[in-house]
Each structure stands twice: as C-alpha cells, then as structure tokens.
Amino acid sequence: MQSDIWDDSGAIPFWGPAPREEHLMDEITEPVDPGAVAAISHLSPRELEVLQELVDGKSHESAAQDLYISHHTLRTHVKNILTKLDAHSSIEAVSIAVCAGIRPSRVHEHEIDRNG
C-alpha cells in the first residue's frame, strides 16, 4: 500500500524548491575570529594573493601558474605564510583564512556550466 508522501512512481517527491548554491552562501554568517584577522594582517600583499589561491582550492602548481611565478617561489611564499600564521600545513592556513573572513573568490567553472 502506498503512503500519501510518495508519488505515482513510488519515490518520495522533493519537498519544495531546491535552494540555489549562491543563496546558501548568502545565508552563512559566521563570526570573524579577531585572532585570525590579526594573523592575516601580517602577510604581504603577494602572500595574501597566494593564500587566496589556496582558499580557492588551487593546487600549488596551478596557483604558481595563475600568479606567473615558479613553483619554488610559490613554495617560499607558502612557507612564509605558514610561519606568520603559526600553521603546520596549507590546510591549516586555509582554515585560519576562512576564520578571518576570507572566502573563495569565484565559483568553479564546471559549477557555473552546470547551473546555467
């Protein structure tokens, strides 16, 4: 016997319209960590660019290409970022950046194509 919540095909229908990804990001309101903001303020402009690439989810090789620097130069910037943020890994540095209010700069291209 079929319940009222199932549709004719036997599946449970979706309850309401699907939220769009950009609306989900607008609804996220996290407090900014003042300690993280203070740590981020010690970074040079170039180090901030490198950190933004990491927050965007770029690999070290891709970030180096995007910033027109060598892989070795990027590695030096990352090491300086880790030292200044007292972080042990790039992932921890990204976590500190997010706590300071830094967000990804754009939606990845495959997500734009999928959403129209």
PDB file of N, CA and C in Angstrom:
ATOM      1  N   MET A   1       0.840  -1.190   0.000  1.00  0.00           N
ATOM      2  CA  MET A   1       0.000   0.000   0.000  1.00  0.00           C
ATOM      3  C   MET A   1       0.878   1.244   0.000  1.00  0.00           C
ATOM      4  N   GLN A   2       0.521   2.206  -0.820  1.00  0.00           N
ATOM      5  CA  GLN A   2       1.338   3.402  -0.985  1.00  0.00           C
ATOM      6  C   GLN A   2       0.870   4.507  -0.050  1.00  0.00           C
ATOM      7  N   SER A   3       1.844   5.189   0.575  1.00  0.00           N
ATOM      8  CA  SER A   3       1.553   6.281   1.505  1.00  0.00           C
ATOM      9  C   SER A   3       1.319   7.568   0.726  1.00  0.00           C
ATOM     10  N   ASP A   4       0.761   8.554   1.380  1.00  0.00           N
ATOM     11  CA  ASP A   4       0.480   9.840   0.751  1.00  0.00           C
ATOM     12  C   ASP A   4       1.748  10.622   0.395  1.00  0.00           C
ATOM     13  N   ILE A   5       2.887  10.315   1.047  1.00  0.00           N
ATOM     14  CA  ILE A   5       4.083  11.101   0.779  1.00  0.00           C
ATOM     15  C   ILE A   5       4.792  10.652  -0.494  1.00  0.00           C
ATOM     16  N   TRP A   6       4.444   9.521  -1.059  1.00  0.00           N
ATOM     17  CA  TRP A   6       5.110   9.023  -2.255  1.00  0.00           C
ATOM     18  C   TRP A   6       4.348   9.443  -3.493  1.00  0.00           C
ATOM     19  N   ASP A   7       5.074   9.643  -4.590  1.00  0.00           N
ATOM     20  CA  ASP A   7       4.409   9.982  -5.839  1.00  0.00           C
ATOM     21  C   ASP A   7       4.011   8.692  -6.568  1.00  0.00           C
ATOM     22  N   ASP A   8       3.474   8.816  -7.759  1.00  0.00           N
ATOM     23  CA  ASP A   8       2.971   7.662  -8.508  1.00  0.00           C
ATOM     24  C   ASP A   8       4.057   6.655  -8.869  1.00  0.00           C
ATOM     25  N   SER A   9       5.315   7.116  -8.970  1.00  0.00           N
ATOM     26  CA  SER A   9       6.391   6.194  -9.326  1.00  0.00           C
ATOM     27  C   SER A   9       6.952   5.449  -8.118  1.00  0.00           C
ATOM     28  N   GLY A  10       6.457   5.759  -6.932  1.00  0.00           N
ATOM     29  CA  GLY A  10       6.942   5.107  -5.725  1.00  0.00           C
ATOM     30  C   GLY A  10       8.079   5.834  -5.050  1.00  0.00           C
ATOM     31  N   ALA A  11       8.464   7.000  -5.577  1.00  0.00           N
ATOM     32  CA  ALA A  11       9.550   7.785  -4.990  1.00  0.00           C
ATOM     33  C   ALA A  11       8.968   8.857  -4.081  1.00  0.00           C
ATOM     34  N   ILE A  12       9.776   9.278  -3.125  1.00  0.00           N
ATOM     35  CA  ILE A  12       9.361  10.382  -2.263  1.00  0.00           C
ATOM     36  C   ILE A  12       9.680  11.673  -3.007  1.00  0.00           C
ATOM     37  N   PRO A  13       8.662  12.501  -3.269  1.00  0.00           N
ATOM     38  CA  PRO A  13       8.908  13.731  -4.021  1.00  0.00           C
ATOM     39  C   PRO A  13       9.745  14.712  -3.204  1.00  0.00           C
ATOM     40  N   PHE A  14      10.416  15.605  -3.906  1.00  0.00           N
ATOM     41  CA  PHE A  14      11.221  16.624  -3.270  1.00  0.00           C
ATOM     42  C   PHE A  14      10.307  17.628  -2.583  1.00  0.00           C
ATOM     43  N   TRP A  15      10.629  17.986  -1.392  1.00  0.00           N
ATOM     44  CA  TRP A  15       9.786  18.881  -0.602  1.00  0.00           C
ATOM     45  C   TRP A  15      10.210  20.322  -0.831  1.00  0.00           C
ATOM     46  N   GLY A  16       9.600  21.004  -1.752  1.00  0.00           N
ATOM     47  CA  GLY A  16       9.900  22.406  -2.009  1.00  0.00           C
ATOM     48  C   GLY A  16      10.999  22.576  -3.033  1.00  0.00           C
ATOM     49  N   PRO A  17      11.207  23.803  -3.457  1.00  0.00           N
ATOM     50  CA  PRO A  17      12.218  24.072  -4.477  1.00  0.00           C
ATOM     51  C   PRO A  17      13.632  23.886  -3.929  1.00  0.00           C
ATOM     52  N   ALA A  18      14.515  23.451  -4.789  1.00  0.00           N
ATOM     53  CA  ALA A  18      15.909  23.253  -4.391  1.00  0.00           C
ATOM     54  C   ALA A  18      16.572  24.613  -4.179  1.00  0.00           C
ATOM     55  N   PRO A  19      17.270  24.767  -3.057  1.00  0.00           N
ATOM     56  CA  PRO A  19      17.968  26.042  -2.851  1.00  0.00           C
ATOM     57  C   PRO A  19      19.153  26.146  -3.795  1.00  0.00           C
ATOM     58  N   ARG A  20      19.335  27.317  -4.369  1.00  0.00           N
ATOM     59  CA  ARG A  20      20.482  27.530  -5.258  1.00  0.00           C
ATOM     60  C   ARG A  20      21.720  27.748  -4.406  1.00  0.00           C
ATOM     61  N   GLU A  21      22.851  27.323  -4.923  1.00  0.00           N
ATOM     62  CA  GLU A  21      24.110  27.373  -4.174  1.00  0.00           C
ATOM     63  C   GLU A  21      24.450  28.782  -3.698  1.00  0.00           C
ATOM     64  N   GLU A  22      24.227  29.790  -4.546  1.00  0.00           N
ATOM     65  CA  GLU A  22      24.595  31.145  -4.138  1.00  0.00           C
ATOM     66  C   GLU A  22      23.741  31.629  -2.969  1.00  0.00           C
ATOM     67  N   HIS A  23      22.496  31.147  -2.872  1.00  0.00           N
ATOM     68  CA  HIS A  23      21.656  31.519  -1.738  1.00  0.00           C
ATOM     69  C   HIS A  23      22.164  30.878  -0.459  1.00  0.00           C
ATOM     70  N   LEU A  24      22.684  29.674  -0.568  1.00  0.00           N
ATOM     71  CA  LEU A  24      23.247  29.018   0.605  1.00  0.00           C
ATOM     72  C   LEU A  24      24.435  29.798   1.131  1.00  0.00           C
ATOM     73  N   MET A  25      25.292  30.290   0.243  1.00  0.00           N
ATOM     74  CA  MET A  25      26.458  31.053   0.681  1.00  0.00           C
ATOM     75  C   MET A  25      26.045  32.378   1.308  1.00  0.00           C
ATOM     76  N   ASP A  26      24.957  32.992   0.805  1.00  0.00           N
ATOM     77  CA  ASP A  26      24.492  34.254   1.373  1.00  0.00           C
ATOM     78  C   ASP A  26      23.969  34.075   2.785  1.00  0.00           C
ATOM     79  N   GLU A  27      23.426  32.892   3.093  1.00  0.00           N
ATOM     80  CA  GLU A  27      22.835  32.655   4.398  1.00  0.00           C
ATOM     81  C   GLU A  27      23.866  32.299   5.462  1.00  0.00           C
ATOM     82  N   ILE A  28      25.084  31.953   5.041  1.00  0.00           N
ATOM     83  CA  ILE A  28      26.114  31.593   6.004  1.00  0.00           C
ATOM     84  C   ILE A  28      26.676  32.870   6.605  1.00  0.00           C
ATOM     85  N   THR A  29      26.470  33.033   7.884  1.00  0.00           N
ATOM     86  CA  THR A  29      27.012  34.196   8.578  1.00  0.00           C
ATOM     87  C   THR A  29      27.776  33.696   9.787  1.00  0.00           C
ATOM     88  N   GLU A  30      29.074  33.602   9.629  1.00  0.00           N
ATOM     89  CA  GLU A  30      29.909  33.146  10.712  1.00  0.00           C
ATOM     90  C   GLU A  30      30.643  34.338  11.296  1.00  0.00           C
ATOM     91  N   PRO A  31      30.825  34.362  12.604  1.00  0.00           N
ATOM     92  CA  PRO A  31      31.595  35.458  13.182  1.00  0.00           C
ATOM     93  C   PRO A  31      33.051  35.372  12.744  1.00  0.00           C
ATOM     94  N   VAL A  32      33.668  36.511  12.557  1.00  0.00           N
ATOM     95  CA  VAL A  32      35.071  36.565  12.166  1.00  0.00           C
ATOM     96  C   VAL A  32      35.918  36.488  13.427  1.00  0.00           C
ATOM     97  N   ASP A  33      36.960  35.673  13.386  1.00  0.00           N
ATOM     98  CA  ASP A  33      37.853  35.485  14.520  1.00  0.00           C
ATOM     99  C   ASP A  33      38.886  36.616  14.540  1.00  0.00           C
ATOM    100  N   PRO A  34      38.870  37.471  15.568  1.00  0.00           N
ATOM    101  CA  PRO A  34      39.825  38.580  15.618  1.00  0.00           C
ATOM    102  C   PRO A  34      41.287  38.120  15.630  1.00  0.00           C
ATOM    103  N   GLY A  35      41.576  36.988  16.250  1.00  0.00           N
ATOM    104  CA  GLY A  35      42.941  36.462  16.258  1.00  0.00           C
ATOM    105  C   GLY A  35      43.404  36.084  14.865  1.00  0.00           C
ATOM    106  N   ALA A  36      42.511  35.497  14.088  1.00  0.00           N
ATOM    107  CA  ALA A  36      42.842  35.125  12.715  1.00  0.00           C
ATOM    108  C   ALA A  36      43.042  36.368  11.856  1.00  0.00           C
ATOM    109  N   VAL A  37      42.202  37.383  12.072  1.00  0.00           N
ATOM    110  CA  VAL A  37      42.344  38.638  11.328  1.00  0.00           C
ATOM    111  C   VAL A  37      43.693  39.281  11.646  1.00  0.00           C
ATOM    112  N   ALA A  38      44.084  39.264  12.912  1.00  0.00           N
ATOM    113  CA  ALA A  38      45.371  39.839  13.309  1.00  0.00           C
ATOM    114  C   ALA A  38      46.527  39.085  12.656  1.00  0.00           C
ATOM    115  N   ALA A  39      46.438  37.763  12.616  1.00  0.00           N
ATOM    116  CA  ALA A  39      47.496  36.961  11.994  1.00  0.00           C
ATOM    117  C   ALA A  39      47.582  37.244  10.500  1.00  0.00           C
ATOM    118  N   ILE A  40      46.445  37.328   9.829  1.00  0.00           N
ATOM    119  CA  ILE A  40      46.395  37.586   8.386  1.00  0.00           C
ATOM    120  C   ILE A  40      46.974  38.973   8.072  1.00  0.00           C
ATOM    121  N   SER A  41      46.821  39.921   8.985  1.00  0.00           N
ATOM    122  CA  SER A  41      47.285  41.287   8.723  1.00  0.00           C
ATOM    123  C   SER A  41      48.806  41.377   8.599  1.00  0.00           C
ATOM    124  N   HIS A  42      49.530  40.357   9.046  1.00  0.00           N
ATOM    125  CA  HIS A  42      50.989  40.355   8.950  1.00  0.00           C
ATOM    126  C   HIS A  42      51.493  39.856   7.600  1.00  0.00           C
ATOM    127  N   LEU A  43      50.593  39.391   6.734  1.00  0.00           N
ATOM    128  CA  LEU A  43      51.006  38.865   5.436  1.00  0.00           C
ATOM    129  C   LEU A  43      51.234  39.996   4.444  1.00  0.00           C
ATOM    130  N   SER A  44      52.189  39.794   3.551  1.00  0.00           N
ATOM    131  CA  SER A  44      52.451  40.767   2.480  1.00  0.00           C
ATOM    132  C   SER A  44      51.332  40.659   1.437  1.00  0.00           C
ATOM    133  N   PRO A  45      51.200  41.663   0.572  1.00  0.00           N
ATOM    134  CA  PRO A  45      50.184  41.578  -0.487  1.00  0.00           C
ATOM    135  C   PRO A  45      50.348  40.320  -1.356  1.00  0.00           C
ATOM    136  N   ARG A  46      51.580  39.949  -1.684  1.00  0.00           N
ATOM    137  CA  ARG A  46      51.801  38.757  -2.512  1.00  0.00           C
ATOM    138  C   ARG A  46      51.437  37.496  -1.739  1.00  0.00           C
ATOM    139  N   GLU A  47      51.750  37.457  -0.453  1.00  0.00           N
ATOM    140  CA  GLU A  47      51.370  36.306   0.365  1.00  0.00           C
ATOM    141  C   GLU A  47      49.851  36.185   0.461  1.00  0.00           C
ATOM    142  N   LEU A  48      49.158  37.318   0.509  1.00  0.00           N
ATOM    143  CA  LEU A  48      47.688  37.282   0.507  1.00  0.00           C
ATOM    144  C   LEU A  48      47.155  36.715  -0.806  1.00  0.00           C
ATOM    145  N   GLU A  49      47.803  37.061  -1.919  1.00  0.00           N
ATOM    146  CA  GLU A  49      47.396  36.501  -3.211  1.00  0.00           C
ATOM    147  C   GLU A  49      47.591  34.988  -3.229  1.00  0.00           C
ATOM    148  N   VAL A  50      48.717  34.531  -2.697  1.00  0.00           N
ATOM    149  CA  VAL A  50      48.986  33.090  -2.635  1.00  0.00           C
ATOM    150  C   VAL A  50      47.959  32.417  -1.737  1.00  0.00           C
ATOM    151  N   LEU A  51      47.685  33.012  -0.588  1.00  0.00           N
ATOM    152  CA  LEU A  51      46.699  32.430   0.331  1.00  0.00           C
ATOM    153  C   LEU A  51      45.318  32.376  -0.315  1.00  0.00           C
ATOM    154  N   GLN A  52      44.949  33.405  -1.076  1.00  0.00           N
ATOM    155  CA  GLN A  52      43.652  33.400  -1.758  1.00  0.00           C
ATOM    156  C   GLN A  52      43.575  32.251  -2.759  1.00  0.00           C
ATOM    157  N   GLU A  53      44.666  31.984  -3.464  1.00  0.00           N
ATOM    158  CA  GLU A  53      44.697  30.851  -4.386  1.00  0.00           C
ATOM    159  C   GLU A  53      44.448  29.536  -3.636  1.00  0.00           C
ATOM    160  N   LEU A  54      45.043  29.410  -2.461  1.00  0.00           N
ATOM    161  CA  LEU A  54      44.846  28.197  -1.662  1.00  0.00           C
ATOM    162  C   LEU A  54      43.405  28.101  -1.159  1.00  0.00           C
ATOM    163  N   VAL A  55      42.838  29.239  -0.740  1.00  0.00           N
ATOM    164  CA  VAL A  55      41.430  29.254  -0.306  1.00  0.00           C
ATOM    165  C   VAL A  55      40.520  28.878  -1.466  1.00  0.00           C
ATOM    166  N   ASP A  56      40.905  29.266  -2.680  1.00  0.00           N
ATOM    167  CA  ASP A  56      40.123  28.920  -3.875  1.00  0.00           C
ATOM    168  C   ASP A  56      40.231  27.444  -4.229  1.00  0.00           C
ATOM    169  N   GLY A  57      41.083  26.708  -3.497  1.00  0.00           N
ATOM    170  CA  GLY A  57      41.200  25.275  -3.727  1.00  0.00           C
ATOM    171  C   GLY A  57      42.209  24.899  -4.794  1.00  0.00           C
ATOM    172  N   LYS A  58      43.074  25.829  -5.163  1.00  0.00           N
ATOM    173  CA  LYS A  58      44.053  25.560  -6.202  1.00  0.00           C
ATOM    174  C   LYS A  58      45.204  24.718  -5.652  1.00  0.00           C
ATOM    175  N   SER A  59      45.753  23.879  -6.495  1.00  0.00           N
ATOM    176  CA  SER A  59      46.962  23.147  -6.141  1.00  0.00           C
ATOM    177  C   SER A  59      48.127  24.126  -6.191  1.00  0.00           C
ATOM    178  N   HIS A  60      49.239  23.742  -5.616  1.00  0.00           N
ATOM    179  CA  HIS A  60      50.407  24.624  -5.644  1.00  0.00           C
ATOM    180  C   HIS A  60      50.856  24.896  -7.070  1.00  0.00           C
ATOM    181  N   GLU A  61      50.834  23.884  -7.921  1.00  0.00           N
ATOM    182  CA  GLU A  61      51.234  24.070  -9.319  1.00  0.00           C
ATOM    183  C   GLU A  61      50.291  25.026 -10.043  1.00  0.00           C
ATOM    184  N   SER A  62      48.997  24.846  -9.846  1.00  0.00           N
ATOM    185  CA  SER A  62      48.013  25.707 -10.501  1.00  0.00           C
ATOM    186  C   SER A  62      48.116  27.140  -9.983  1.00  0.00           C
ATOM    187  N   ALA A  63      48.304  27.297  -8.672  1.00  0.00           N
ATOM    188  CA  ALA A  63      48.446  28.639  -8.088  1.00  0.00           C
ATOM    189  C   ALA A  63      49.676  29.338  -8.648  1.00  0.00           C
ATOM    190  N   ALA A  64      50.790  28.612  -8.782  1.00  0.00           N
ATOM    191  CA  ALA A  64      52.016  29.198  -9.339  1.00  0.00           C
ATOM    192  C   ALA A  64      51.775  29.665 -10.770  1.00  0.00           C
ATOM    193  N   GLN A  65      51.087  28.869 -11.562  1.00  0.00           N
ATOM    194  CA  GLN A  65      50.785  29.257 -12.942  1.00  0.00           C
ATOM    195  C   GLN A  65      49.895  30.495 -12.976  1.00  0.00           C
ATOM    196  N   ASP A  66      48.856  30.511 -12.136  1.00  0.00           N
ATOM    197  CA  ASP A  66      47.937  31.651 -12.115  1.00  0.00           C
ATOM    198  C   ASP A  66      48.628  32.944 -11.703  1.00  0.00           C
ATOM    199  N   LEU A  67      49.621  32.843 -10.818  1.00  0.00           N
ATOM    200  CA  LEU A  67      50.322  34.028 -10.319  1.00  0.00           C
ATOM    201  C   LEU A  67      51.592  34.345 -11.117  1.00  0.00           C
ATOM    202  N   TYR A  68      51.866  33.544 -12.146  1.00  0.00           N
ATOM    203  CA  TYR A  68      53.038  33.734 -13.006  1.00  0.00           C
ATOM    204  C   TYR A  68      54.339  33.732 -12.202  1.00  0.00           C
ATOM    205  N   ILE A  69      54.444  32.750 -11.303  1.00  0.00           N
ATOM    206  CA  ILE A  69      55.663  32.572 -10.531  1.00  0.00           C
ATOM    207  C   ILE A  69      56.073  31.109 -10.613  1.00  0.00           C
ATOM    208  N   SER A  70      57.318  30.832 -10.271  1.00  0.00           N
ATOM    209  CA  SER A  70      57.778  29.448 -10.303  1.00  0.00           C
ATOM    210  C   SER A  70      57.213  28.678  -9.114  1.00  0.00           C
ATOM    211  N   HIS A  71      57.233  27.371  -9.248  1.00  0.00           N
ATOM    212  CA  HIS A  71      56.784  26.507  -8.166  1.00  0.00           C
ATOM    213  C   HIS A  71      57.641  26.752  -6.918  1.00  0.00           C
ATOM    214  N   HIS A  72      58.936  26.993  -7.106  1.00  0.00           N
ATOM    215  CA  HIS A  72      59.833  27.239  -5.971  1.00  0.00           C
ATOM    216  C   HIS A  72      59.492  28.549  -5.254  1.00  0.00           C
ATOM    217  N   THR A  73      59.161  29.576  -6.028  1.00  0.00           N
ATOM    218  CA  THR A  73      58.775  30.856  -5.430  1.00  0.00           C
ATOM    219  C   THR A  73      57.476  30.705  -4.655  1.00  0.00           C
ATOM    220  N   LEU A  74      56.523  29.973  -5.225  1.00  0.00           N
ATOM    221  CA  LEU A  74      55.266  29.747  -4.518  1.00  0.00           C
ATOM    222  C   LEU A  74      55.524  28.995  -3.217  1.00  0.00           C
ATOM    223  N   ARG A  75      56.388  27.997  -3.273  1.00  0.00           N
ATOM    224  CA  ARG A  75      56.702  27.224  -2.075  1.00  0.00           C
ATOM    225  C   ARG A  75      57.308  28.121  -0.987  1.00  0.00           C
ATOM    226  N   THR A  76      58.144  29.071  -1.399  1.00  0.00           N
ATOM    227  CA  THR A  76      58.723  30.021  -0.443  1.00  0.00           C
ATOM    228  C   THR A  76      57.632  30.886   0.184  1.00  0.00           C
ATOM    229  N   HIS A  77      56.699  31.379  -0.642  1.00  0.00           N
ATOM    230  CA  HIS A  77      55.586  32.176  -0.112  1.00  0.00           C
ATOM    231  C   HIS A  77      54.751  31.349   0.867  1.00  0.00           C
ATOM    232  N   VAL A  78      54.474  30.102   0.514  1.00  0.00           N
ATOM    233  CA  VAL A  78      53.673  29.245   1.394  1.00  0.00           C
ATOM    234  C   VAL A  78      54.398  29.025   2.722  1.00  0.00           C
ATOM    235  N   LYS A  79      55.696  28.781   2.671  1.00  0.00           N
ATOM    236  CA  LYS A  79      56.464  28.603   3.907  1.00  0.00           C
ATOM    237  C   LYS A  79      56.399  29.857   4.773  1.00  0.00           C
ATOM    238  N   ASN A  80      56.503  31.036   4.158  1.00  0.00           N
ATOM    239  CA  ASN A  80      56.404  32.292   4.909  1.00  0.00           C
ATOM    240  C   ASN A  80      55.007  32.477   5.508  1.00  0.00           C
ATOM    241  N   ILE A  81      53.985  32.100   4.746  1.00  0.00           N
ATOM    242  CA  ILE A  81      52.604  32.186   5.244  1.00  0.00           C
ATOM    243  C   ILE A  81      52.440  31.280   6.461  1.00  0.00           C
ATOM    244  N   LEU A  82      52.920  30.054   6.349  1.00  0.00           N
ATOM    245  CA  LEU A  82      52.798  29.111   7.461  1.00  0.00           C
ATOM    246  C   LEU A  82      53.503  29.636   8.707  1.00  0.00           C
ATOM    247  N   THR A  83      54.673  30.221   8.532  1.00  0.00           N
ATOM    248  CA  THR A  83      55.416  30.772   9.669  1.00  0.00           C
ATOM    249  C   THR A  83      54.648  31.924  10.306  1.00  0.00           C
ATOM    250  N   LYS A  84      54.176  32.859   9.483  1.00  0.00           N
ATOM    251  CA  LYS A  84      53.478  34.034  10.011  1.00  0.00           C
ATOM    252  C   LYS A  84      52.155  33.680  10.671  1.00  0.00           C
ATOM    253  N   LEU A  85      51.476  32.642  10.160  1.00  0.00           N
ATOM    254  CA  LEU A  85      50.184  32.237  10.728  1.00  0.00           C
ATOM    255  C   LEU A  85      50.337  31.184  11.821  1.00  0.00           C
ATOM    256  N   ASP A  86      51.573  30.738  12.056  1.00  0.00           N
ATOM    257  CA  ASP A  86      51.855  29.670  13.006  1.00  0.00           C
ATOM    258  C   ASP A  86      51.022  28.434  12.660  1.00  0.00           C
ATOM    259  N   ALA A  87      50.994  28.121  11.364  1.00  0.00           N
ATOM    260  CA  ALA A  87      50.243  26.975  10.856  1.00  0.00           C
ATOM    261  C   ALA A  87      51.221  25.874  10.464  1.00  0.00           C
ATOM    262  N   HIS A  88      50.760  24.640  10.515  1.00  0.00           N
ATOM    263  CA  HIS A  88      51.614  23.497  10.203  1.00  0.00           C
ATOM    264  C   HIS A  88      51.399  22.950   8.799  1.00  0.00           C
ATOM    265  N   SER A  89      50.367  23.424   8.102  1.00  0.00           N
ATOM    266  CA  SER A  89      50.076  22.927   6.761  1.00  0.00           C
ATOM    267  C   SER A  89      49.281  23.980   5.994  1.00  0.00           C
ATOM    268  N   SER A  90      49.214  23.795   4.689  1.00  0.00           N
ATOM    269  CA  SER A  90      48.404  24.693   3.858  1.00  0.00           C
ATOM    270  C   SER A  90      46.935  24.620   4.255  1.00  0.00           C
ATOM    271  N   ILE A  91      46.491  23.447   4.623  1.00  0.00           N
ATOM    272  CA  ILE A  91      45.093  23.279   5.027  1.00  0.00           C
ATOM    273  C   ILE A  91      44.798  24.096   6.282  1.00  0.00           C
ATOM    274  N   GLU A  92      45.722  24.082   7.230  1.00  0.00           N
ATOM    275  CA  GLU A  92      45.533  24.875   8.441  1.00  0.00           C
ATOM    276  C   GLU A  92      45.552  26.371   8.113  1.00  0.00           C
ATOM    277  N   ALA A  93      46.417  26.783   7.182  1.00  0.00           N
ATOM    278  CA  ALA A  93      46.461  28.182   6.766  1.00  0.00           C
ATOM    279  C   ALA A  93      45.137  28.597   6.128  1.00  0.00           C
ATOM    280  N   VAL A  94      44.565  27.716   5.317  1.00  0.00           N
ATOM    281  CA  VAL A  94      43.256  28.000   4.707  1.00  0.00           C
ATOM    282  C   VAL A  94      42.188  28.109   5.788  1.00  0.00           C
ATOM    283  N   SER A  95      42.242  27.258   6.776  1.00  0.00           N
ATOM    284  CA  SER A  95      41.282  27.307   7.879  1.00  0.00           C
ATOM    285  C   SER A  95      41.375  28.639   8.625  1.00  0.00           C
ATOM    286  N   ILE A  96      42.583  29.100   8.879  1.00  0.00           N
ATOM    287  CA  ILE A  96      42.779  30.391   9.544  1.00  0.00           C
ATOM    288  C   ILE A  96      42.232  31.513   8.670  1.00  0.00           C
ATOM    289  N   ALA A  97      42.494  31.437   7.368  1.00  0.00           N
ATOM    290  CA  ALA A  97      41.994  32.455   6.439  1.00  0.00           C
ATOM    291  C   ALA A  97      40.471  32.506   6.448  1.00  0.00           C
ATOM    292  N   VAL A  98      39.831  31.346   6.446  1.00  0.00           N
ATOM    293  CA  VAL A  98      38.368  31.296   6.471  1.00  0.00           C
ATOM    294  C   VAL A  98      37.846  31.883   7.786  1.00  0.00           C
ATOM    295  N   CYS A  99      38.519  31.586   8.887  1.00  0.00           N
ATOM    296  CA  CYS A  99      38.130  32.161  10.182  1.00  0.00           C
ATOM    297  C   CYS A  99      38.283  33.679  10.195  1.00  0.00           C
ATOM    298  N   ALA A 100      39.197  34.194   9.358  1.00  0.00           N
ATOM    299  CA  ALA A 100      39.400  35.640   9.247  1.00  0.00           C
ATOM    300  C   ALA A 100      38.416  36.285   8.279  1.00  0.00           C
ATOM    301  N   GLY A 101      37.588  35.487   7.633  1.00  0.00           N
ATOM    302  CA  GLY A 101      36.571  36.029   6.732  1.00  0.00           C
ATOM    303  C   GLY A 101      36.920  35.946   5.265  1.00  0.00           C
ATOM    304  N   ILE A 102      38.053  35.334   4.917  1.00  0.00           N
ATOM    305  CA  ILE A 102      38.429  35.183   3.510  1.00  0.00           C
ATOM    306  C   ILE A 102      37.628  34.035   2.911  1.00  0.00           C
ATOM    307  N   ARG A 103      37.005  34.272   1.782  1.00  0.00           N
ATOM    308  CA  ARG A 103      36.174  33.269   1.122  1.00  0.00           C
ATOM    309  C   ARG A 103      36.702  33.009  -0.291  1.00  0.00           C
ATOM    310  N   PRO A 104      36.321  31.887  -0.896  1.00  0.00           N
ATOM    311  CA  PRO A 104      36.718  31.640  -2.287  1.00  0.00           C
ATOM    312  C   PRO A 104      36.291  32.806  -3.171  1.00  0.00           C
ATOM    313  N   SER A 105      37.145  33.136  -4.140  1.00  0.00           N
ATOM    314  CA  SER A 105      36.900  34.323  -4.957  1.00  0.00           C
ATOM    315  C   SER A 105      35.855  34.109  -6.046  1.00  0.00           C
ATOM    316  N   ARG A 106      35.648  32.873  -6.474  1.00  0.00           N
ATOM    317  CA  ARG A 106      34.659  32.624  -7.520  1.00  0.00           C
ATOM    318  C   ARG A 106      34.219  31.172  -7.473  1.00  0.00           C
ATOM    319  N   VAL A 107      33.087  30.930  -8.128  1.00  0.00           N
ATOM    320  CA  VAL A 107      32.592  29.571  -8.249  1.00  0.00           C
ATOM    321  C   VAL A 107      33.386  28.888  -9.350  1.00  0.00           C
ATOM    322  N   HIS A 108      33.715  27.618  -9.172  1.00  0.00           N
ATOM    323  CA  HIS A 108      34.469  26.896 -10.185  1.00  0.00           C
ATOM    324  C   HIS A 108      33.677  26.822 -11.489  1.00  0.00           C
ATOM    325  N   GLU A 109      34.375  26.854 -12.611  1.00  0.00           N
ATOM    326  CA  GLU A 109      33.739  26.941 -13.916  1.00  0.00           C
ATOM    327  C   GLU A 109      32.779  25.787 -14.196  1.00  0.00           C
ATOM    328  N   HIS A 110      33.091  24.561 -13.732  1.00  0.00           N
ATOM    329  CA  HIS A 110      32.179  23.449 -14.007  1.00  0.00           C
ATOM    330  C   HIS A 110      30.859  23.621 -13.268  1.00  0.00           C
ATOM    331  N   GLU A 111      30.864  24.327 -12.135  1.00  0.00           N
ATOM    332  CA  GLU A 111      29.618  24.576 -11.414  1.00  0.00           C
ATOM    333  C   GLU A 111      28.805  25.644 -12.124  1.00  0.00           C
ATOM    334  N   ILE A 112      29.464  26.621 -12.739  1.00  0.00           N
ATOM    335  CA  ILE A 112      28.751  27.652 -13.488  1.00  0.00           C
ATOM    336  C   ILE A 112      28.057  27.016 -14.687  1.00  0.00           C
ATOM    337  N   ASP A 113      28.768  26.120 -15.403  1.00  0.00           N
ATOM    338  CA  ASP A 113      28.179  25.453 -16.562  1.00  0.00           C
ATOM    339  C   ASP A 113      26.976  24.601 -16.170  1.00  0.00           C
ATOM    340  N   ARG A 114      27.080  23.923 -15.019  1.00  0.00           N
ATOM    341  CA  ARG A 114      26.006  23.048 -14.584  1.00  0.00           C
ATOM    342  C   ARG A 114      24.768  23.834 -14.198  1.00  0.00           C
ATOM    343  N   ASN A 115      24.950  24.999 -13.564  1.00  0.00           N
ATOM    344  CA  ASN A 115      23.818  25.785 -13.078  1.00  0.00           C
ATOM    345  C   ASN A 115      23.266  26.753 -14.111  1.00  0.00           C
ATOM    346  N   GLY A 116      23.918  26.847 -15.230  1.00  0.00           N
ATOM    347  CA  GLY A 116      23.389  27.667 -16.295  1.00  0.00           C
ATOM    348  C   GLY A 116      23.913  29.039 -16.265  1.00  0.00           C
TER     349      GLY A 116
END
